[in-house]
C-alpha atoms as a PDB file:
ATOM      1  CA  MET A   1     156.675 102.812 116.198  1.00  0.00           C
ATOM      2  CA  HIS A   2     154.949 106.008 117.229  1.00  0.00           C
ATOM      3  CA  ALA A   3     155.309 108.856 114.667  1.00  0.00           C
ATOM      4  CA  ASN A   4     157.085 110.994 117.251  1.00  0.00           C
ATOM      5  CA  GLU A   5     159.779 108.378 117.666  1.00  0.00           C
ATOM      6  CA  ILE A   6     160.922 108.377 114.038  1.00  0.00           C
ATOM      7  CA  THR A   7     164.608 109.184 113.713  1.00  0.00           C
ATOM      8  CA  ARG A   8     166.656 110.251 110.717  1.00  0.00           C
ATOM      9  CA  ARG A   9     168.027 106.727 110.284  1.00  0.00           C
ATOM     10  CA  THR A  10     164.508 105.270 110.454  1.00  0.00           C
ATOM     11  CA  LEU A  11     163.256 107.787 107.907  1.00  0.00           C
ATOM     12  CA  LEU A  12     165.952 106.877 105.427  1.00  0.00           C
ATOM     13  CA  ALA A  13     165.410 103.182 106.001  1.00  0.00           C
ATOM     14  CA  GLN A  14     161.679 103.588 105.361  1.00  0.00           C
ATOM     15  CA  THR A  15     162.412 105.526 102.181  1.00  0.00           C
ATOM     16  CA  GLY A  16     164.647 102.713 100.940  1.00  0.00           C
ATOM     17  CA  ALA A  17     162.089 100.057 101.814  1.00  0.00           C
ATOM     18  CA  LEU A  18     159.288 101.879 100.036  1.00  0.00           C
ATOM     19  CA  LEU A  19     161.411 102.417  96.968  1.00  0.00           C
ATOM     20  CA  SER A  20     162.492  98.782  96.944  1.00  0.00           C
ATOM     21  CA  GLY A  21     158.863  97.743  96.897  1.00  0.00           C
ATOM     22  CA  LEU A  22     158.242  99.948  93.890  1.00  0.00           C
ATOM     23  CA  VAL A  23     161.263  98.552  92.055  1.00  0.00           C
ATOM     24  CA  ILE A  24     160.054  95.015  92.611  1.00  0.00           C
ATOM     25  CA  ALA A  25     156.718  96.019  91.149  1.00  0.00           C
ATOM     26  CA  GLY A  26     158.523  97.207  88.052  1.00  0.00           C
ATOM     27  CA  ASN A  27     156.924 100.637  88.085  1.00  0.00           C
ATOM     28  CA  VAL A  28     159.876 102.911  88.746  1.00  0.00           C
ATOM     29  CA  ARG A  29     161.436 104.823  85.912  1.00  0.00           C
ATOM     30  CA  THR A  30     165.198 104.540  85.655  1.00  0.00           C
ATOM     31  CA  ALA A  31     167.452 105.246  82.703  1.00  0.00           C
ATOM     32  CA  GLY A  32     166.016 103.345  79.767  1.00  0.00           C
ATOM     33  CA  ALA A  33     162.952 102.139  81.679  1.00  0.00           C
ATOM     34  CA  THR A  34     159.342 102.901  80.988  1.00  0.00           C
ATOM     35  CA  SER A  35     157.587 105.717  82.809  1.00  0.00           C
ATOM     36  CA  PRO A  36     155.847 104.932  86.122  1.00  0.00           C
ATOM     37  CA  THR A  37     152.109 105.023  86.391  1.00  0.00           C
ATOM     38  CA  LYS A  38     150.243 107.660  88.332  1.00  0.00           C
ATOM     39  CA  SER A  39     149.562 105.196  91.183  1.00  0.00           C
ATOM     40  CA  ALA A  40     153.252 104.262  91.361  1.00  0.00           C
ATOM     41  CA  ILE A  41     154.262 107.910  91.808  1.00  0.00           C
ATOM     42  CA  ALA A  42     151.634 108.536  94.477  1.00  0.00           C
ATOM     43  CA  ALA A  43     152.665 105.413  96.361  1.00  0.00           C
ATOM     44  CA  GLY A  44     156.248 106.529  96.796  1.00  0.00           C
ATOM     45  CA  PRO A  45     157.778 107.877 100.021  1.00  0.00           C
ATOM     46  CA  ALA A  46     156.668 111.445  99.207  1.00  0.00           C
ATOM     47  CA  GLY A  47     153.099 110.204  99.570  1.00  0.00           C
ATOM     48  CA  ALA A  48     153.563 110.109 103.353  1.00  0.00           C
ATOM     49  CA  ALA A  49     152.998 113.885 103.297  1.00  0.00           C
ATOM     50  CA  GLY A  50     149.422 113.409 102.097  1.00  0.00           C
ATOM     51  CA  ARG A  51     147.736 114.860  99.046  1.00  0.00           C
ATOM     52  CA  ILE A  52     146.617 118.343  98.042  1.00  0.00           C
ATOM     53  CA  THR A  53     144.319 119.449  95.199  1.00  0.00           C
ATOM     54  CA  LEU A  54     144.906 122.552  93.091  1.00  0.00           C
ATOM     55  CA  GLY A  55     142.106 124.123  91.099  1.00  0.00           C
ATOM     56  CA  GLY A  56     139.640 121.392  92.010  1.00  0.00           C
ATOM     57  CA  ASP A  57     141.018 118.851  89.538  1.00  0.00           C
ATOM     58  CA  MET A  58     144.778 118.498  89.973  1.00  0.00           C
ATOM     59  CA  THR A  59     145.861 116.396  92.947  1.00  0.00           C
ATOM     60  CA  VAL A  60     149.502 115.827  93.897  1.00  0.00           C
ATOM     61  CA  ASN A  61     151.544 114.653  96.853  1.00  0.00           C
ATOM     62  CA  ARG A  62     152.016 117.467  99.365  1.00  0.00           C
ATOM     63  CA  LEU A  63     155.795 117.366  99.095  1.00  0.00           C
ATOM     64  CA  GLY A  64     157.136 118.643  95.790  1.00  0.00           C
ATOM     65  CA  PHE A  65     160.550 119.443  94.357  1.00  0.00           C
ATOM     66  CA  GLY A  66     161.999 122.828  93.483  1.00  0.00           C
ATOM     67  CA  ALA A  67     164.253 122.516  90.431  1.00  0.00           C
ATOM     68  CA  MET A  68     166.134 125.792  90.804  1.00  0.00           C
ATOM     69  CA  ARG A  69     169.311 124.126  92.072  1.00  0.00           C
ATOM     70  CA  VAL A  70     169.831 121.777  89.128  1.00  0.00           C
ATOM     71  CA  THR A  71     171.699 124.655  87.467  1.00  0.00           C
ATOM     72  CA  GLY A  72     175.137 126.239  87.695  1.00  0.00           C
ATOM     73  CA  THR A  73     176.615 128.452  90.389  1.00  0.00           C
ATOM     74  CA  GLY A  74     174.429 131.447  91.007  1.00  0.00           C
ATOM     75  CA  ILE A  75     171.526 129.700  89.237  1.00  0.00           C
ATOM     76  CA  TRP A  76     173.378 130.427  86.006  1.00  0.00           C
ATOM     77  CA  GLY A  77     174.108 128.058  83.138  1.00  0.00           C
ATOM     78  CA  ASP A  78     174.571 124.292  83.274  1.00  0.00           C
ATOM     79  CA  PRO A  79     175.381 122.554  86.560  1.00  0.00           C
ATOM     80  CA  PRO A  80     178.937 121.276  87.074  1.00  0.00           C
ATOM     81  CA  ASP A  81     177.711 117.706  86.596  1.00  0.00           C
ATOM     82  CA  VAL A  82     174.819 117.566  84.129  1.00  0.00           C
ATOM     83  CA  GLU A  83     174.352 113.814  84.493  1.00  0.00           C
ATOM     84  CA  GLU A  84     174.100 114.131  88.270  1.00  0.00           C
ATOM     85  CA  ALA A  85     171.411 116.772  87.810  1.00  0.00           C
ATOM     86  CA  LYS A  86     169.486 114.393  85.594  1.00  0.00           C
ATOM     87  CA  ARG A  87     169.902 111.609  88.166  1.00  0.00           C
ATOM     88  CA  VAL A  88     168.405 113.934  90.772  1.00  0.00           C
ATOM     89  CA  LEU A  89     165.389 114.621  88.566  1.00  0.00           C
ATOM     90  CA  ARG A  90     164.819 110.944  87.825  1.00  0.00           C
ATOM     91  CA  ARG A  91     165.174 110.114  91.501  1.00  0.00           C
ATOM     92  CA  VAL A  92     162.555 112.764  92.301  1.00  0.00           C
ATOM     93  CA  VAL A  93     159.962 110.729  90.432  1.00  0.00           C
ATOM     94  CA  GLU A  94     161.199 107.437  91.845  1.00  0.00           C
ATOM     95  CA  LEU A  95     160.598 108.767  95.351  1.00  0.00           C
ATOM     96  CA  GLY A  96     156.979 109.587  94.658  1.00  0.00           C
ATOM     97  CA  VAL A  97     157.255 113.318  94.051  1.00  0.00           C
ATOM     98  CA  ASP A  98     154.697 114.243  91.400  1.00  0.00           C
ATOM     99  CA  PHE A  99     154.981 118.056  91.534  1.00  0.00           C
ATOM    100  CA  ILE A 100     158.108 119.717  90.143  1.00  0.00           C
ATOM    101  CA  ASP A 101     158.445 123.500  90.289  1.00  0.00           C
ATOM    102  CA  THR A 102     160.744 125.399  87.944  1.00  0.00           C
ATOM    103  CA  ALA A 103     160.985 128.723  86.044  1.00  0.00           C
ATOM    104  CA  ASP A 104     162.388 130.044  82.809  1.00  0.00           C
ATOM    105  CA  ALA A 105     164.708 132.288  84.866  1.00  0.00           C
ATOM    106  CA  TYR A 106     166.535 129.309  86.375  1.00  0.00           C
ATOM    107  CA  GLY A 107     169.649 129.156  84.223  1.00  0.00           C
ATOM    108  CA  PRO A 108     168.003 130.887  82.414  1.00  0.00           C
ATOM    109  CA  ASP A 109     166.196 128.079  80.585  1.00  0.00           C
ATOM    110  CA  THR A 110     168.537 125.400  81.988  1.00  0.00           C
ATOM    111  CA  SER A 111     166.209 123.905  84.583  1.00  0.00           C
ATOM    112  CA  GLU A 112     163.310 123.474  82.161  1.00  0.00           C
ATOM    113  CA  ARG A 113     165.587 121.960  79.513  1.00  0.00           C
ATOM    114  CA  LEU A 114     167.117 119.437  81.935  1.00  0.00           C
ATOM    115  CA  ILE A 115     163.689 118.409  83.215  1.00  0.00           C
ATOM    116  CA  ALA A 116     162.640 117.534  79.694  1.00  0.00           C
ATOM    117  CA  GLU A 117     165.898 115.766  78.921  1.00  0.00           C
ATOM    118  CA  ALA A 118     165.709 113.682  82.108  1.00  0.00           C
ATOM    119  CA  LEU A 119     162.004 112.871  82.290  1.00  0.00           C
ATOM    120  CA  TYR A 120     160.357 113.149  78.879  1.00  0.00           C
ATOM    121  CA  PRO A 121     158.115 111.326  78.036  1.00  0.00           C
ATOM    122  CA  TYR A 122     156.657 112.311  81.381  1.00  0.00           C
ATOM    123  CA  PRO A 123     155.122 109.824  83.821  1.00  0.00           C
ATOM    124  CA  LYS A 124     151.345 109.941  83.953  1.00  0.00           C
ATOM    125  CA  GLY A 125     150.248 112.220  86.799  1.00  0.00           C
ATOM    126  CA  LEU A 126     153.455 114.256  86.968  1.00  0.00           C
ATOM    127  CA  VAL A 127     152.732 117.972  87.274  1.00  0.00           C
ATOM    128  CA  ILE A 128     155.381 120.415  86.090  1.00  0.00           C
ATOM    129  CA  ALA A 129     154.809 123.969  87.268  1.00  0.00           C
ATOM    130  CA  THR A 130     156.856 126.772  85.806  1.00  0.00           C
ATOM    131  CA  LYS A 131     157.014 130.553  86.053  1.00  0.00           C
ATOM    132  CA  GLY A 132     157.530 133.590  83.863  1.00  0.00           C
ATOM    133  CA  GLY A 133     158.074 137.269  84.575  1.00  0.00           C
ATOM    134  CA  LEU A 134     161.749 137.406  85.615  1.00  0.00           C
ATOM    135  CA  VAL A 135     164.632 137.762  83.210  1.00  0.00           C
ATOM    136  CA  ARG A 136     168.366 137.131  83.673  1.00  0.00           C
ATOM    137  CA  PRO A 137     170.523 139.557  81.702  1.00  0.00           C
ATOM    138  CA  ALA A 138     173.640 138.380  83.527  1.00  0.00           C
ATOM    139  CA  PRO A 139     174.764 136.191  86.473  1.00  0.00           C
ATOM    140  CA  GLU A 140     173.446 137.416  89.826  1.00  0.00           C
ATOM    141  CA  LYS A 141     170.942 139.692  88.080  1.00  0.00           C
ATOM    142  CA  TRP A 142     167.188 139.157  88.320  1.00  0.00           C
ATOM    143  CA  GLU A 143     164.972 141.706  86.624  1.00  0.00           C
ATOM    144  CA  ARG A 144     161.183 141.855  86.376  1.00  0.00           C
ATOM    145  CA  ASP A 145     159.394 141.926  83.040  1.00  0.00           C
ATOM    146  CA  GLY A 146     155.626 141.755  83.250  1.00  0.00           C
ATOM    147  CA  ARG A 147     154.893 143.095  79.794  1.00  0.00           C
ATOM    148  CA  PRO A 148     152.148 141.016  78.123  1.00  0.00           C
ATOM    149  CA  ALA A 149     154.262 140.443  75.012  1.00  0.00           C
ATOM    150  CA  HIS A 150     157.136 139.113  77.143  1.00  0.00           C
ATOM    151  CA  LEU A 151     154.901 136.812  79.160  1.00  0.00           C
ATOM    152  CA  ARG A 152     153.366 135.343  76.009  1.00  0.00           C
ATOM    153  CA  ALA A 153     156.791 134.733  74.505  1.00  0.00           C
ATOM    154  CA  ALA A 154     158.066 133.306  77.801  1.00  0.00           C
ATOM    155  CA  CYS A 155     155.150 130.904  78.151  1.00  0.00           C
ATOM    156  CA  GLU A 156     155.457 129.660  74.588  1.00  0.00           C
ATOM    157  CA  ALA A 157     159.218 129.184  75.024  1.00  0.00           C
ATOM    158  CA  SER A 158     158.622 127.194  78.198  1.00  0.00           C
ATOM    159  CA  LEU A 159     156.165 124.963  76.355  1.00  0.00           C
ATOM    160  CA  LYS A 160     158.832 124.177  73.785  1.00  0.00           C
ATOM    161  CA  ARG A 161     161.629 123.553  76.276  1.00  0.00           C
ATOM    162  CA  LEU A 162     159.432 121.332  78.429  1.00  0.00           C
ATOM    163  CA  ARG A 163     157.992 119.577  75.367  1.00  0.00           C
ATOM    164  CA  LEU A 164     154.460 120.209  76.533  1.00  0.00           C
ATOM    165  CA  GLU A 165     151.274 121.195  74.764  1.00  0.00           C
ATOM    166  CA  ARG A 166     149.891 122.661  77.975  1.00  0.00           C
ATOM    167  CA  ILE A 167     151.525 123.787  81.211  1.00  0.00           C
ATOM    168  CA  ASP A 168     149.633 122.441  84.225  1.00  0.00           C
ATOM    169  CA  LEU A 169     150.515 125.376  86.479  1.00  0.00           C
ATOM    170  CA  TYR A 170     151.918 128.631  85.090  1.00  0.00           C
ATOM    171  CA  GLN A 171     152.913 131.167  87.727  1.00  0.00           C
ATOM    172  CA  PHE A 172     153.518 134.905  87.355  1.00  0.00           C
ATOM    173  CA  HIS A 173     156.965 135.063  88.974  1.00  0.00           C
ATOM    174  CA  ALA A 174     156.859 138.630  90.317  1.00  0.00           C
ATOM    175  CA  ILE A 175     155.012 141.882  89.705  1.00  0.00           C
ATOM    176  CA  ASP A 176     156.741 144.347  87.404  1.00  0.00           C
ATOM    177  CA  PRO A 177     156.480 147.823  89.008  1.00  0.00           C
ATOM    178  CA  ASN A 178     156.273 149.318  85.514  1.00  0.00           C
ATOM    179  CA  VAL A 179     153.318 147.191  84.398  1.00  0.00           C
ATOM    180  CA  PRO A 180     149.957 146.930  86.199  1.00  0.00           C
ATOM    181  CA  LEU A 181     149.511 143.381  87.425  1.00  0.00           C
ATOM    182  CA  GLU A 182     146.092 143.357  85.752  1.00  0.00           C
ATOM    183  CA  GLU A 183     147.773 143.723  82.351  1.00  0.00           C
ATOM    184  CA  SER A 184     150.306 140.989  83.068  1.00  0.00           C
ATOM    185  CA  LEU A 185     147.754 138.513  84.399  1.00  0.00           C
ATOM    186  CA  GLY A 186     145.317 139.507  81.699  1.00  0.00           C
ATOM    187  CA  GLU A 187     147.706 138.106  79.105  1.00  0.00           C
ATOM    188  CA  ILE A 188     148.225 134.945  81.153  1.00  0.00           C
ATOM    189  CA  ALA A 189     144.440 134.571  81.275  1.00  0.00           C
ATOM    190  CA  LYS A 190     144.367 134.778  77.475  1.00  0.00           C
ATOM    191  CA  LEU A 191     147.006 132.038  77.260  1.00  0.00           C
ATOM    192  CA  GLN A 192     144.830 129.928  79.558  1.00  0.00           C
ATOM    193  CA  LYS A 193     141.790 130.431  77.330  1.00  0.00           C
ATOM    194  CA  GLU A 194     143.910 129.368  74.359  1.00  0.00           C
ATOM    195  CA  GLY A 195     144.629 126.070  76.097  1.00  0.00           C
ATOM    196  CA  LYS A 196     148.330 126.683  76.689  1.00  0.00           C
ATOM    197  CA  ILE A 197     147.882 126.865  80.485  1.00  0.00           C
ATOM    198  CA  ARG A 198     145.759 124.648  82.699  1.00  0.00           C
ATOM    199  CA  HIS A 199     145.942 126.586  85.964  1.00  0.00           C
ATOM    200  CA  VAL A 200     147.368 129.961  87.005  1.00  0.00           C
ATOM    201  CA  GLY A 201     149.442 130.737  90.095  1.00  0.00           C
ATOM    202  CA  VAL A 202     151.204 133.841  91.379  1.00  0.00           C
ATOM    203  CA  SER A 203     154.467 134.356  93.234  1.00  0.00           C
ATOM    204  CA  ASN A 204     155.803 137.012  95.575  1.00  0.00           C
ATOM    205  CA  PHE A 205     152.346 138.560  96.095  1.00  0.00           C
ATOM    206  CA  ASP A 206     150.943 140.153  99.238  1.00  0.00           C
ATOM    207  CA  ALA A 207     147.295 139.744 100.264  1.00  0.00           C
ATOM    208  CA  GLY A 208     146.152 142.946  98.563  1.00  0.00           C
ATOM    209  CA  GLU A 209     147.875 142.023  95.313  1.00  0.00           C
ATOM    210  CA  LEU A 210     146.377 138.551  95.495  1.00  0.00           C
ATOM    211  CA  GLU A 211     142.904 140.039  95.826  1.00  0.00           C
ATOM    212  CA  ARG A 212     143.474 142.170  92.722  1.00  0.00           C
ATOM    213  CA  ALA A 213     144.856 139.182  90.815  1.00  0.00           C
ATOM    214  CA  ARG A 214     141.804 137.059  91.575  1.00  0.00           C
ATOM    215  CA  LYS A 215     139.574 139.644  89.907  1.00  0.00           C
ATOM    216  CA  VAL A 216     141.469 139.063  86.659  1.00  0.00           C
ATOM    217  CA  VAL A 217     141.954 135.296  86.600  1.00  0.00           C
ATOM    218  CA  LYS A 218     141.273 132.251  88.757  1.00  0.00           C
ATOM    219  CA  VAL A 219     144.364 131.825  90.936  1.00  0.00           C
ATOM    220  CA  VAL A 220     144.936 128.350  92.378  1.00  0.00           C
ATOM    221  CA  SER A 221     148.258 128.846  94.179  1.00  0.00           C
ATOM    222  CA  VAL A 222     150.635 131.377  95.717  1.00  0.00           C
ATOM    223  CA  GLN A 223     154.391 130.868  95.937  1.00  0.00           C
ATOM    224  CA  ASN A 224     156.004 133.119  98.572  1.00  0.00           C
ATOM    225  CA  ARG A 225     159.000 133.037 100.862  1.00  0.00           C
ATOM    226  CA  TYR A 226     157.992 131.277 104.087  1.00  0.00           C
ATOM    227  CA  ASN A 227     159.754 129.379 106.864  1.00  0.00           C
ATOM    228  CA  VAL A 228     159.763 129.001 110.623  1.00  0.00           C
ATOM    229  CA  ALA A 229     161.567 132.341 111.093  1.00  0.00           C
ATOM    230  CA  ASP A 230     159.955 134.350 108.273  1.00  0.00           C
ATOM    231  CA  ARG A 231     156.175 134.302 108.399  1.00  0.00           C
ATOM    232  CA  SER A 232     155.565 137.650 106.732  1.00  0.00           C
ATOM    233  CA  SER A 233     153.218 135.898 104.314  1.00  0.00           C
ATOM    234  CA  ASP A 234     150.864 134.740 107.076  1.00  0.00           C
ATOM    235  CA  PRO A 235     148.056 136.978 105.719  1.00  0.00           C
ATOM    236  CA  VAL A 236     148.417 135.338 102.314  1.00  0.00           C
ATOM    237  CA  LEU A 237     148.514 131.883 103.870  1.00  0.00           C
ATOM    238  CA  ALA A 238     145.273 132.703 105.705  1.00  0.00           C
ATOM    239  CA  VAL A 239     143.593 133.525 102.386  1.00  0.00           C
ATOM    240  CA  CYS A 240     144.850 130.279 100.876  1.00  0.00           C
ATOM    241  CA  GLU A 241     143.491 128.273 103.804  1.00  0.00           C
ATOM    242  CA  ARG A 242     140.145 130.064 103.672  1.00  0.00           C
ATOM    243  CA  ASP A 243     139.605 129.753  99.941  1.00  0.00           C
ATOM    244  CA  GLY A 244     141.293 126.468  99.110  1.00  0.00           C
ATOM    245  CA  LEU A 245     144.389 127.762  97.339  1.00  0.00           C
ATOM    246  CA  ALA A 246     147.718 125.960  97.628  1.00  0.00           C
ATOM    247  CA  PHE A 247     150.530 127.835  99.339  1.00  0.00           C
ATOM    248  CA  ILE A 248     153.949 126.934  97.907  1.00  0.00           C
ATOM    249  CA  PRO A 249     156.701 128.121 100.295  1.00  0.00           C
ATOM    250  CA  TRP A 250     160.169 128.898  99.011  1.00  0.00           C
ATOM    251  CA  SER A 251     163.306 129.297 101.119  1.00  0.00           C
ATOM    252  CA  PRO A 252     162.119 126.744 103.701  1.00  0.00           C
ATOM    253  CA  LEU A 253     165.312 127.017 105.729  1.00  0.00           C
ATOM    254  CA  SER A 254     166.081 130.435 107.183  1.00  0.00           C
ATOM    255  CA  GLN A 255     169.645 131.379 108.067  1.00  0.00           C
ATOM    256  CA  ASN A 256     168.957 134.934 109.246  1.00  0.00           C
ATOM    257  CA  PRO A 257     169.153 135.254 113.059  1.00  0.00           C
ATOM    258  CA  ARG A 258     167.573 138.721 112.925  1.00  0.00           C
ATOM    259  CA  GLU A 259     164.223 137.615 111.534  1.00  0.00           C
ATOM    260  CA  SER A 260     161.158 138.153 113.697  1.00  0.00           C
ATOM    261  CA  ASN A 261     160.704 134.475 114.549  1.00  0.00           C
ATOM    262  CA  ALA A 262     164.376 133.613 114.949  1.00  0.00           C
ATOM    263  CA  ALA A 263     163.646 132.137 118.392  1.00  0.00           C
ATOM    264  CA  SER A 264     161.326 129.636 116.739  1.00  0.00           C
ATOM    265  CA  ARG A 265     164.102 128.612 114.394  1.00  0.00           C
ATOM    266  CA  VAL A 266     166.314 127.902 117.417  1.00  0.00           C
ATOM    267  CA  ALA A 267     163.508 125.930 119.013  1.00  0.00           C
ATOM    268  CA  LEU A 268     163.070 123.904 115.832  1.00  0.00           C
ATOM    269  CA  GLU A 269     166.799 123.181 115.766  1.00  0.00           C
ATOM    270  CA  LYS A 270     166.564 121.796 119.287  1.00  0.00           C
ATOM    271  CA  TRP A 271     163.570 119.705 118.279  1.00  0.00           C
ATOM    272  CA  ALA A 272     165.557 118.330 115.345  1.00  0.00           C
ATOM    273  CA  GLN A 273     168.493 117.466 117.597  1.00  0.00           C
ATOM    274  CA  GLY A 274     166.205 115.713 119.992  1.00  0.00           C
ATOM    275  CA  ARG A 275     164.696 113.626 117.239  1.00  0.00           C
ATOM    276  CA  GLY A 276     167.996 112.908 115.542  1.00  0.00           C
ATOM    277  CA  VAL A 277     166.963 114.455 112.246  1.00  0.00           C
ATOM    278  CA  SER A 278     168.583 117.172 110.147  1.00  0.00           C
ATOM    279  CA  MET A 279     167.486 120.786 110.243  1.00  0.00           C
ATOM    280  CA  PRO A 280     166.306 120.690 106.596  1.00  0.00           C
ATOM    281  CA  GLN A 281     164.131 117.684 107.471  1.00  0.00           C
ATOM    282  CA  ALA A 282     162.752 119.504 110.500  1.00  0.00           C
ATOM    283  CA  ALA A 283     162.039 122.610 108.417  1.00  0.00           C
ATOM    284  CA  ILE A 284     160.063 120.557 105.908  1.00  0.00           C
ATOM    285  CA  ALA A 285     158.142 118.760 108.657  1.00  0.00           C
ATOM    286  CA  TRP A 286     157.321 122.117 110.283  1.00  0.00           C
ATOM    287  CA  LEU A 287     155.916 123.473 107.019  1.00  0.00           C
ATOM    288  CA  LEU A 288     153.753 120.371 106.519  1.00  0.00           C
ATOM    289  CA  ALA A 289     152.444 120.680 110.069  1.00  0.00           C
ATOM    290  CA  ARG A 290     151.941 124.429 109.840  1.00  0.00           C
ATOM    291  CA  SER A 291     149.004 124.263 107.415  1.00  0.00           C
ATOM    292  CA  PRO A 292     147.160 121.770 105.188  1.00  0.00           C
ATOM    293  CA  ALA A 293     147.439 124.378 102.411  1.00  0.00           C
ATOM    294  CA  MET A 294     151.234 123.971 102.347  1.00  0.00           C
ATOM    295  CA  LEU A 295     152.928 122.400  99.340  1.00  0.00           C
ATOM    296  CA  PRO A 296     156.676 122.570 100.166  1.00  0.00           C
ATOM    297  CA  ILE A 297     159.162 122.354  97.289  1.00  0.00           C
ATOM    298  CA  PRO A 298     162.625 121.795  98.790  1.00  0.00           C
ATOM    299  CA  GLY A 299     165.311 121.659  96.163  1.00  0.00           C
ATOM    300  CA  THR A 300     168.809 120.269  95.908  1.00  0.00           C
ATOM    301  CA  SER A 301     171.455 119.266  93.381  1.00  0.00           C
ATOM    302  CA  LYS A 302     172.452 116.031  95.164  1.00  0.00           C
ATOM    303  CA  VAL A 303     170.620 112.705  95.251  1.00  0.00           C
ATOM    304  CA  LYS A 304     171.628 112.123  98.880  1.00  0.00           C
ATOM    305  CA  HIS A 305     170.074 115.396 100.030  1.00  0.00           C
ATOM    306  CA  LEU A 306     166.977 114.740  97.931  1.00  0.00           C
ATOM    307  CA  GLU A 307     166.445 111.396  99.656  1.00  0.00           C
ATOM    308  CA  GLU A 308     166.826 113.012 103.065  1.00  0.00           C
ATOM    309  CA  ASN A 309     164.338 115.747 102.138  1.00  0.00           C
ATOM    310  CA  VAL A 310     161.724 113.307 100.881  1.00  0.00           C
ATOM    311  CA  ALA A 311     162.147 111.148 103.956  1.00  0.00           C
ATOM    312  CA  ALA A 312     160.883 114.109 105.984  1.00  0.00           C
ATOM    313  CA  ALA A 313     157.413 113.466 104.519  1.00  0.00           C
ATOM    314  CA  ALA A 314     157.030 110.761 107.188  1.00  0.00           C
ATOM    315  CA  LEU A 315     157.977 113.077 110.068  1.00  0.00           C
ATOM    316  CA  ARG A 316     155.209 114.335 112.324  1.00  0.00           C
ATOM    317  CA  ILE A 317     155.293 117.296 114.691  1.00  0.00           C
ATOM    318  CA  SER A 318     152.506 117.147 117.238  1.00  0.00           C
ATOM    319  CA  PRO A 319     150.259 120.168 117.989  1.00  0.00           C
ATOM    320  CA  GLU A 320     151.929 120.404 121.400  1.00  0.00           C
ATOM    321  CA  GLU A 321     155.368 120.438 119.810  1.00  0.00           C
ATOM    322  CA  MET A 322     154.273 123.059 117.263  1.00  0.00           C
ATOM    323  CA  LYS A 323     153.043 125.240 120.120  1.00  0.00           C
ATOM    324  CA  ALA A 324     156.341 124.866 121.952  1.00  0.00           C
ATOM    325  CA  ILE A 325     158.303 125.772 118.832  1.00  0.00           C
ATOM    326  CA  GLY A 326     156.158 128.881 118.459  1.00  0.00           C
END
C-alpha cells in the first residue's frame, strides 16, 4: 500500500501487528515483566517516525510522549485513575516510544513520581527529559523561578523522584524576568559539570534568547509552542535545523481560529478527513513532515488515544500536500 493511502483503521491495525510481534519476541515490558531492550523499544510502532540524535550521542525515535496529562485536572495532583495513568506510561514504552518529556511543575511532582513508579527500573535506551524553572503555588497558577538556588534544588529533587543518578535532558522551563538567563543557565551548566545532567535544553525561548543561552552552555534542544496554525517559533526552528538542535513542539493541536495560520489548520482538517484519520493524527504527521529537526511529544491520559497518536508515526504527508496545506 502506498504511504498516502494509509487510513486510520490501517494505522491502528499496523500498530497492533507490530506490537504483537514484539510480544511474541518476549521483549515488551508489562506489569511484572522484565524491561525491554533498546532494540525492542526502537523497533516499536513509534520507530516509523524515524530517529533523531540530540547532542551527538543520544538517539531516540522521532515521536516522543509528553507526560503532562498523567496528572489531575488542571495539571494538579494525582489523576482520577492512577493505575490508568501507569498503564499509559507502560504502554508508551511498549509502542516503541523511547523519549518521555515531563517537568517538576506537572502536578507538581506527580508526573515524575508516576513515571518512576510505572517504569523503574527503566528499559535500556529510554530517555527521560524533565524541566525546572516553573513553580505551582496553587491550581491554575504557574510562576517562574530561575534563581540558581531554586534550579539546583529542583534538579536534585527531580533526580530523586525519577530515581536517576543523571538526567539525560534537563530543560530550563522558562526565563524568569527577575533573573538574567545567564545566571539561571550558569547554574544548570554547573550541575552538568557535576554529572547530574547529561544534556541541556531550553523551553519557551525566542531566537535571541537562544543565542544568549548558547554562549553559557551547550544547548541541544528547544521546546516551544508550535503547530500548523501557530508558527511564531519559525526563527527558532530555523536555528535548530541549521545547527543540529532538536525542536520539541508543544501544543501540537491548535484550537484558536484567530491564529495567523488558521487557514492551514482548516486545510489540514480537510486532509485528515480525506485520509480518514483523526485531526490529532494529522497534526502529528504535519509536524513530522514540517522539519527533520522536529521531535513531537503528544500527550494523553488514555491508552486508546496514545495508540492513535503513535499510529500517526506511519502517516506520510507528501511535499505537494504540505504545500497545499500551507
